[in-house]
C-alpha atoms as a PDB file:
ATOM      1  CA  MET A   1      -8.518  26.412  -7.227  1.00  0.00           C
ATOM      2  CA  MET A   2      -5.632  24.286  -8.444  1.00  0.00           C
ATOM      3  CA  LEU A   3      -3.417  25.624 -11.236  1.00  0.00           C
ATOM      4  CA  ILE A   4      -1.762  23.185 -13.637  1.00  0.00           C
ATOM      5  CA  ASP A   5       1.355  24.232 -15.584  1.00  0.00           C
ATOM      6  CA  VAL A   6       1.728  22.110 -18.749  1.00  0.00           C
ATOM      7  CA  ARG A   7       5.162  22.666 -20.295  1.00  0.00           C
ATOM      8  CA  THR A   8       6.005  21.244 -23.737  1.00  0.00           C
ATOM      9  CA  TYR A   9       9.539  21.310 -25.142  1.00  0.00           C
ATOM     10  CA  ASP A  10      10.936  20.420 -28.557  1.00  0.00           C
ATOM     11  CA  CYS A  11      14.571  19.380 -28.880  1.00  0.00           C
ATOM     12  CA  LYS A  12      16.827  19.223 -31.913  1.00  0.00           C
ATOM     13  CA  PRO A  13      16.649  15.819 -33.616  1.00  0.00           C
ATOM     14  CA  ASN A  14      18.636  13.142 -31.769  1.00  0.00           C
ATOM     15  CA  SER A  15      19.445  15.432 -28.810  1.00  0.00           C
ATOM     16  CA  LEU A  16      16.601  14.435 -26.467  1.00  0.00           C
ATOM     17  CA  PRO A  17      18.552  11.685 -24.656  1.00  0.00           C
ATOM     18  CA  GLN A  18      21.454  14.042 -23.862  1.00  0.00           C
ATOM     19  CA  HIS A  19      19.081  16.807 -22.792  1.00  0.00           C
ATOM     20  CA  LEU A  20      17.110  14.524 -20.470  1.00  0.00           C
ATOM     21  CA  ALA A  21      20.324  13.103 -19.013  1.00  0.00           C
ATOM     22  CA  LEU A  22      21.538  16.627 -18.228  1.00  0.00           C
ATOM     23  CA  TYR A  23      18.167  17.479 -16.670  1.00  0.00           C
ATOM     24  CA  GLU A  24      18.181  14.300 -14.569  1.00  0.00           C
ATOM     25  CA  ARG A  25      21.688  15.072 -13.285  1.00  0.00           C
ATOM     26  CA  LEU A  26      21.490  18.842 -12.715  1.00  0.00           C
ATOM     27  CA  GLY A  27      17.939  20.117 -13.202  1.00  0.00           C
ATOM     28  CA  LYS A  28      15.718  17.577 -11.482  1.00  0.00           C
ATOM     29  CA  PRO A  29      17.244  17.821  -7.980  1.00  0.00           C
ATOM     30  CA  VAL A  30      16.907  21.599  -7.765  1.00  0.00           C
ATOM     31  CA  GLN A  31      13.573  21.820  -9.564  1.00  0.00           C
ATOM     32  CA  THR A  32      11.887  19.246  -7.350  1.00  0.00           C
ATOM     33  CA  LYS A  33      13.432  20.931  -4.278  1.00  0.00           C
ATOM     34  CA  HIS A  34      11.422  24.052  -5.095  1.00  0.00           C
ATOM     35  CA  LEU A  35       8.384  22.740  -6.985  1.00  0.00           C
ATOM     36  CA  GLY A  36       7.860  19.284  -5.484  1.00  0.00           C
ATOM     37  CA  GLN A  37       7.188  16.274  -7.681  1.00  0.00           C
ATOM     38  CA  PRO A  38       5.555  16.873 -11.066  1.00  0.00           C
ATOM     39  CA  LEU A  39       2.178  15.387 -11.871  1.00  0.00           C
ATOM     40  CA  ALA A  40       3.897  13.884 -14.930  1.00  0.00           C
ATOM     41  CA  PHE A  41       7.172  14.055 -16.866  1.00  0.00           C
ATOM     42  CA  LEU A  42       6.670  12.420 -20.265  1.00  0.00           C
ATOM     43  CA  ALA A  43       8.560  11.721 -23.491  1.00  0.00           C
ATOM     44  CA  CYS A  44       6.581  11.239 -26.720  1.00  0.00           C
ATOM     45  CA  GLU A  45       5.989   7.645 -27.733  1.00  0.00           C
ATOM     46  CA  SER A  46       4.362   8.665 -31.017  1.00  0.00           C
ATOM     47  CA  GLY A  47       4.156  11.921 -32.905  1.00  0.00           C
ATOM     48  CA  ASN A  48       7.227  14.114 -32.437  1.00  0.00           C
ATOM     49  CA  PRO A  49      10.031  11.889 -31.048  1.00  0.00           C
ATOM     50  CA  ASN A  50      12.012  14.995 -30.073  1.00  0.00           C
ATOM     51  CA  GLN A  51       9.329  16.348 -27.720  1.00  0.00           C
ATOM     52  CA  TYR A  52       8.691  15.985 -24.014  1.00  0.00           C
ATOM     53  CA  VAL A  53       6.140  17.369 -21.573  1.00  0.00           C
ATOM     54  CA  HIS A  54       6.145  18.001 -17.870  1.00  0.00           C
ATOM     55  CA  ILE A  55       3.165  18.979 -15.766  1.00  0.00           C
ATOM     56  CA  TRP A  56       3.347  20.780 -12.418  1.00  0.00           C
ATOM     57  CA  MET A  57       0.574  21.453  -9.899  1.00  0.00           C
ATOM     58  CA  TYR A  58       0.214  24.619  -7.839  1.00  0.00           C
ATOM     59  CA  GLU A  59      -2.384  25.747  -5.319  1.00  0.00           C
ATOM     60  CA  ASN A  60      -2.936  28.979  -7.280  1.00  0.00           C
ATOM     61  CA  ALA A  61      -1.087  31.638  -9.289  1.00  0.00           C
ATOM     62  CA  ALA A  62       0.585  33.114  -6.190  1.00  0.00           C
ATOM     63  CA  ASP A  63       1.917  29.683  -5.173  1.00  0.00           C
ATOM     64  CA  ARG A  64       3.314  29.171  -8.685  1.00  0.00           C
ATOM     65  CA  GLU A  65       4.883  32.619  -8.751  1.00  0.00           C
ATOM     66  CA  ALA A  66       6.578  32.180  -5.356  1.00  0.00           C
ATOM     67  CA  LYS A  67       7.930  28.700  -6.125  1.00  0.00           C
ATOM     68  CA  ARG A  68       9.184  29.638  -9.593  1.00  0.00           C
ATOM     69  CA  ALA A  69      10.850  32.803  -8.224  1.00  0.00           C
ATOM     70  CA  ALA A  70      12.709  30.736  -5.613  1.00  0.00           C
ATOM     71  CA  LEU A  71      13.747  28.270  -8.324  1.00  0.00           C
ATOM     72  CA  ALA A  72      14.948  31.036 -10.657  1.00  0.00           C
ATOM     73  CA  ALA A  73      17.120  32.511  -7.895  1.00  0.00           C
ATOM     74  CA  ASP A  74      18.753  29.207  -6.908  1.00  0.00           C
ATOM     75  CA  PRO A  75      22.424  29.023  -8.042  1.00  0.00           C
ATOM     76  CA  ASP A  76      22.015  25.325  -8.900  1.00  0.00           C
ATOM     77  CA  TRP A  77      19.133  26.169 -11.273  1.00  0.00           C
ATOM     78  CA  ILE A  78      21.131  28.998 -12.814  1.00  0.00           C
ATOM     79  CA  ASN A  79      23.982  26.535 -13.391  1.00  0.00           C
ATOM     80  CA  TYR A  80      21.634  23.965 -14.930  1.00  0.00           C
ATOM     81  CA  ARG A  81      20.194  26.567 -17.312  1.00  0.00           C
ATOM     82  CA  ALA A  82      23.720  27.585 -18.363  1.00  0.00           C
ATOM     83  CA  GLU A  83      24.705  23.955 -19.009  1.00  0.00           C
ATOM     84  CA  SER A  84      21.473  23.388 -20.929  1.00  0.00           C
ATOM     85  CA  ALA A  85      22.216  26.442 -23.082  1.00  0.00           C
ATOM     86  CA  LYS A  86      25.725  25.079 -23.777  1.00  0.00           C
ATOM     87  CA  LEU A  87      24.225  21.760 -24.863  1.00  0.00           C
ATOM     88  CA  GLY A  88      21.915  23.663 -27.208  1.00  0.00           C
ATOM     89  CA  ALA A  89      19.307  20.921 -27.490  1.00  0.00           C
ATOM     90  CA  LEU A  90      16.160  22.984 -26.923  1.00  0.00           C
ATOM     91  CA  LEU A  91      14.368  24.495 -29.909  1.00  0.00           C
ATOM     92  CA  THR A  92      10.978  25.575 -28.552  1.00  0.00           C
ATOM     93  CA  GLN A  93       9.012  25.789 -25.326  1.00  0.00           C
ATOM     94  CA  GLU A  94       5.265  26.168 -24.830  1.00  0.00           C
ATOM     95  CA  ASN A  95       3.627  26.718 -21.438  1.00  0.00           C
ATOM     96  CA  LYS A  96      -0.083  26.415 -20.740  1.00  0.00           C
ATOM     97  CA  LEU A  97      -1.657  27.278 -17.391  1.00  0.00           C
ATOM     98  CA  MET A  98      -4.802  25.197 -16.944  1.00  0.00           C
ATOM     99  CA  THR A  99      -7.395  24.404 -14.283  1.00  0.00           C
ATOM    100  CA  PRO A 100      -9.121  21.069 -13.696  1.00  0.00           C
ATOM    101  CA  VAL A 101     -12.801  20.812 -14.610  1.00  0.00           C
ATOM    102  CA  SER A 102     -15.228  20.255 -11.746  1.00  0.00           C
ATOM    103  CA  PHE A 103     -16.248  16.753 -12.829  1.00  0.00           C
ATOM    104  CA  PHE A 104     -12.634  15.434 -12.988  1.00  0.00           C
ATOM    105  CA  PRO A 105     -10.809  16.975 -10.032  1.00  0.00           C
ATOM    106  CA  LEU A 106      -7.148  16.131  -9.554  1.00  0.00           C
ATOM    107  CA  ALA A 107      -6.061  14.504  -6.319  1.00  0.00           C
ATOM    108  CA  ARG A 108      -3.010  15.989  -4.649  1.00  0.00           C
END
C-alpha cells in the first residue's frame, strides 16, 4: 500500500516568495536527500495566493516514519527550520495522509 502525505501551508500575505526562496536554498536539498523527489510541489494559481502544497509518496507508514525521523535529525534540516522560524512567514500547516484508490493507482 502506498501512503501519500499531502501538506498544505499558508503564509503571511506577501511572504510566499521569500519563504519559497529560503526553502529552495536551504530546505529542498536536505529534504529531497531524505525523502526523495515529491510527487508535486505547487503554489496556488487561484484561491489563496499565500498557500502552497507539497505531496510526498511513501511505501507505507513505517517508511514515512523512518524517512521523516532521519530528516528531523539532520543538522541541515534543523538549521532550515530555524531560519524559517526567523523569517516568520508560515501561519498554518495541514497534513493529510492518504492512499490511492484501486482504480487510479499512482506510478512510482
